[in-house]
Amino acid sequence: MQDILEKARPIRLLIFDVDGVLTDGSLFIGDDGQEYKAFNSRDGHGIKMLMGYGIEVAIITGRTSKVVEHRMQNLGVTRVYQGQLDKLKAYDVLSEELGIAHEEIAYVGDDVVDLPVMRRVGLAIAVQDAHPLVIKHSHWQTPSPGGCGAARDVCEMLMEAQGVLDDEMSKYL
C-alpha cells in the first residue's frame, strides 16, 4: 500500500468514469425514455471533501445523461465530458487545458473502454467489481464496488496520501 500512497501523493486531478464507477452500472429507463441512475451519497461527500483540499475532479463518460449533469452540478464538479466515445481525446484536452502532467492525474474506471486513459495516467484505479482486464492494468483496486463507496475509497486514499485525511475526519469528531 505504501507504493500506492507514493503514487497518490502528487495527484492534482482525479477523473471518474460514471456508469459502473459512480453508479453500480444499472440503467433505469422509464417508458418515456427518461434515464435514472442511483448515486451513493457517501461517494458525493468524499468528492466534496477532496475538492476542499484543492484536488480538481472531472468526469469523462461515454454516455450522455441529464442525471449526470445534475449530480455533478450538485457536487460542484464543473469539468464534465459526456458522450465521449474516445475517452482519450477528452483526457488529452483536459490535461492540456489544466496544464497537469500525466503523473499528477488519477483515473477511476471499471470497463475496457477506460483502459486507454488508465494506461496514460500516473495512478490508474479499478473499482472492486471492474472487468478483469481493467484490474490487471490498474495500480490499485478499491475495496468497494462501483456505486457502493468506491469513489469514497479513492477520495480518502488520496487524502491519506497527501496527509490531510486525519484533519478532515477530525472535523466530525
Protein backbone atom coordinates (compact mmCIF):
# COMPACT_ATOMS: atom_id res chain seq x y z
CA MET A 1 0.00 0.00 0.00
CA GLN A 2 2.92 2.34 0.62
CA ASP A 3 3.82 2.40 -3.09
CA ILE A 4 0.23 3.38 -3.94
CA LEU A 5 0.32 6.21 -1.41
CA GLU A 6 3.55 7.41 -3.01
CA LYS A 7 1.90 7.39 -6.46
CA ALA A 8 -1.11 9.22 -4.97
CA ARG A 9 0.88 11.95 -3.24
CA PRO A 10 1.37 14.18 -6.33
CA ILE A 11 -2.18 13.78 -7.69
CA ARG A 12 -3.80 17.12 -8.59
CA LEU A 13 -6.61 15.84 -10.83
CA LEU A 14 -8.96 12.92 -10.24
CA ILE A 15 -11.09 11.73 -13.16
CA PHE A 16 -14.04 9.39 -12.76
CA ASP A 17 -15.97 7.35 -15.28
CA VAL A 18 -19.67 7.31 -14.33
CA ASP A 19 -21.52 4.08 -15.12
CA GLY A 20 -20.03 1.28 -13.05
CA VAL A 21 -17.87 3.68 -11.02
CA LEU A 22 -20.09 6.43 -9.58
CA THR A 23 -23.07 4.13 -10.11
CA ASP A 24 -23.38 0.36 -9.92
CA GLY A 25 -23.75 0.28 -13.70
CA SER A 26 -27.51 -0.22 -13.70
CA LEU A 27 -29.52 1.93 -16.10
CA PHE A 28 -33.16 2.56 -15.24
CA ILE A 29 -35.13 3.81 -18.24
CA GLY A 30 -38.77 4.80 -17.92
CA ASP A 31 -41.49 4.30 -20.54
CA ASP A 32 -40.95 7.92 -21.55
CA GLY A 33 -37.26 7.28 -22.23
CA GLN A 34 -36.17 9.18 -19.11
CA GLU A 35 -32.98 7.71 -17.66
CA TYR A 36 -32.42 7.28 -13.92
CA LYS A 37 -29.24 6.43 -12.05
CA ALA A 38 -28.52 5.91 -8.37
CA PHE A 39 -25.52 7.69 -6.87
CA ASN A 40 -24.04 6.96 -3.45
CA SER A 41 -24.28 9.94 -1.09
CA ARG A 42 -21.05 8.98 0.73
CA ASP A 43 -19.23 8.99 -2.61
CA GLY A 44 -20.54 12.50 -3.15
CA HIS A 45 -19.36 13.68 0.24
CA GLY A 46 -15.92 12.18 -0.44
CA ILE A 47 -15.70 14.13 -3.68
CA LYS A 48 -16.66 17.36 -1.92
CA MET A 49 -14.10 16.75 0.83
CA LEU A 50 -11.35 16.06 -1.70
CA MET A 51 -12.15 19.17 -3.73
CA GLY A 52 -11.94 21.15 -0.49
CA TYR A 53 -8.22 20.37 -0.47
CA GLY A 54 -7.68 21.73 -3.96
CA ILE A 55 -7.84 18.49 -5.93
CA GLU A 56 -9.60 19.03 -9.24
CA VAL A 57 -12.31 16.45 -10.04
CA ALA A 58 -13.59 15.70 -13.54
CA ILE A 59 -15.89 13.26 -15.29
CA ILE A 60 -15.27 11.51 -18.60
CA THR A 61 -18.12 9.25 -19.64
CA GLY A 62 -19.22 7.60 -22.85
CA ARG A 63 -22.91 8.16 -22.24
CA THR A 64 -24.81 11.44 -22.13
CA SER A 65 -27.34 11.95 -19.37
CA LYS A 66 -29.06 14.94 -17.76
CA VAL A 67 -28.92 12.98 -14.49
CA VAL A 68 -25.10 13.12 -14.56
CA GLU A 69 -25.20 16.83 -15.35
CA HIS A 70 -27.49 17.49 -12.37
CA ARG A 71 -25.47 15.34 -9.97
CA MET A 72 -22.18 16.97 -10.93
CA GLN A 73 -23.68 20.46 -10.58
CA ASN A 74 -24.85 19.46 -7.11
CA LEU A 75 -21.33 18.36 -6.18
CA GLY A 76 -19.64 21.40 -7.74
CA VAL A 77 -17.85 19.35 -10.40
CA THR A 78 -17.58 21.65 -13.43
CA ARG A 79 -15.39 19.61 -15.77
CA VAL A 80 -17.87 17.11 -17.18
CA TYR A 81 -17.18 15.42 -20.52
CA GLN A 82 -20.17 13.36 -21.62
CA GLY A 83 -20.72 11.41 -24.84
CA GLN A 84 -17.02 10.64 -25.13
CA LEU A 85 -16.71 7.51 -27.23
CA ASP A 86 -12.96 8.15 -27.39
CA LYS A 87 -12.17 9.00 -23.78
CA LEU A 88 -8.50 9.54 -24.54
CA LYS A 89 -9.32 12.60 -26.68
CA ALA A 90 -11.27 14.18 -23.81
CA TYR A 91 -8.46 13.28 -21.42
CA ASP A 92 -5.86 14.95 -23.65
CA VAL A 93 -7.96 18.14 -23.88
CA LEU A 94 -8.49 18.18 -20.12
CA SER A 95 -4.87 17.57 -19.12
CA GLU A 96 -3.62 20.15 -21.62
CA GLU A 97 -6.24 22.72 -20.60
CA LEU A 98 -5.30 22.38 -16.93
CA GLY A 99 -1.58 22.02 -17.60
CA ILE A 100 -1.35 18.97 -15.38
CA ALA A 101 1.23 16.26 -16.07
CA HIS A 102 0.12 12.64 -16.53
CA GLU A 103 1.90 11.66 -13.28
CA GLU A 104 -0.35 14.11 -11.40
CA ILE A 105 -3.58 12.58 -12.70
CA ALA A 106 -5.58 9.63 -11.37
CA TYR A 107 -8.39 7.91 -13.27
CA VAL A 108 -11.04 5.55 -11.89
CA GLY A 109 -12.61 3.07 -14.30
CA ASP A 110 -14.43 -0.22 -14.48
CA ASP A 111 -14.55 -1.41 -18.09
CA VAL A 112 -12.27 -1.89 -21.08
CA VAL A 113 -13.28 1.47 -22.63
CA ASP A 114 -11.42 3.09 -19.72
CA LEU A 115 -8.10 1.37 -20.45
CA PRO A 116 -6.62 3.89 -22.91
CA VAL A 117 -6.86 6.63 -20.28
CA MET A 118 -5.86 4.34 -17.41
CA ARG A 119 -2.69 3.37 -19.26
CA ARG A 120 -1.72 7.05 -19.62
CA VAL A 121 -2.26 8.42 -16.09
CA GLY A 122 0.07 8.35 -13.12
CA LEU A 123 -2.43 6.45 -10.96
CA ALA A 124 -4.90 4.02 -12.58
CA ILE A 125 -7.63 2.80 -10.25
CA ALA A 126 -10.13 0.00 -10.83
CA VAL A 127 -13.29 -0.38 -8.79
CA GLN A 128 -13.61 -3.65 -6.90
CA ASP A 129 -16.01 -5.19 -9.43
CA ALA A 130 -14.22 -3.98 -12.58
CA HIS A 131 -13.58 -6.10 -15.64
CA PRO A 132 -10.58 -8.42 -15.07
CA LEU A 133 -8.51 -6.69 -17.77
CA VAL A 134 -9.09 -3.32 -16.09
CA ILE A 135 -7.98 -4.76 -12.76
CA LYS A 136 -4.88 -6.21 -14.42
CA HIS A 137 -3.88 -2.78 -15.78
CA SER A 138 -4.64 -0.80 -12.63
CA HIS A 139 -2.25 0.30 -9.92
CA TRP A 140 -4.89 -0.05 -7.19
CA GLN A 141 -8.31 -1.63 -6.75
CA THR A 142 -10.92 -0.12 -4.44
CA PRO A 143 -12.26 -2.23 -1.58
CA SER A 144 -15.83 -1.25 -2.57
CA PRO A 145 -17.67 -1.91 -5.82
CA GLY A 146 -18.72 0.82 -8.21
CA GLY A 147 -21.62 2.94 -6.97
CA CYS A 148 -21.25 1.49 -3.47
CA GLY A 149 -18.45 3.51 -1.93
CA ALA A 150 -15.66 3.08 -4.49
CA ALA A 151 -15.37 6.83 -5.10
CA ARG A 152 -15.21 7.45 -1.36
CA ASP A 153 -12.43 4.83 -1.09
CA VAL A 154 -10.45 6.72 -3.72
CA CYS A 155 -11.02 10.15 -2.17
CA GLU A 156 -9.97 9.00 1.30
CA MET A 157 -6.92 7.19 -0.07
CA LEU A 158 -5.81 10.36 -1.87
CA MET A 159 -6.39 12.46 1.25
CA GLU A 160 -4.37 9.96 3.29
CA ALA A 161 -1.53 10.06 0.76
CA GLN A 162 -1.50 13.83 0.85
CA GLY A 163 -1.55 13.98 4.64
CA VAL A 164 -4.96 15.61 5.12
CA LEU A 165 -7.31 12.72 5.95
CA ASP A 166 -6.87 12.94 9.72
CA ASP A 167 -7.51 16.70 9.66
CA GLU A 168 -10.63 16.20 7.57
CA MET A 169 -12.03 13.45 9.80
CA SER A 170 -11.28 15.42 12.97
CA LYS A 171 -13.86 17.99 11.81
CA TYR A 172 -16.55 15.41 12.55
CA LEU A 173 -15.36 14.30 15.98
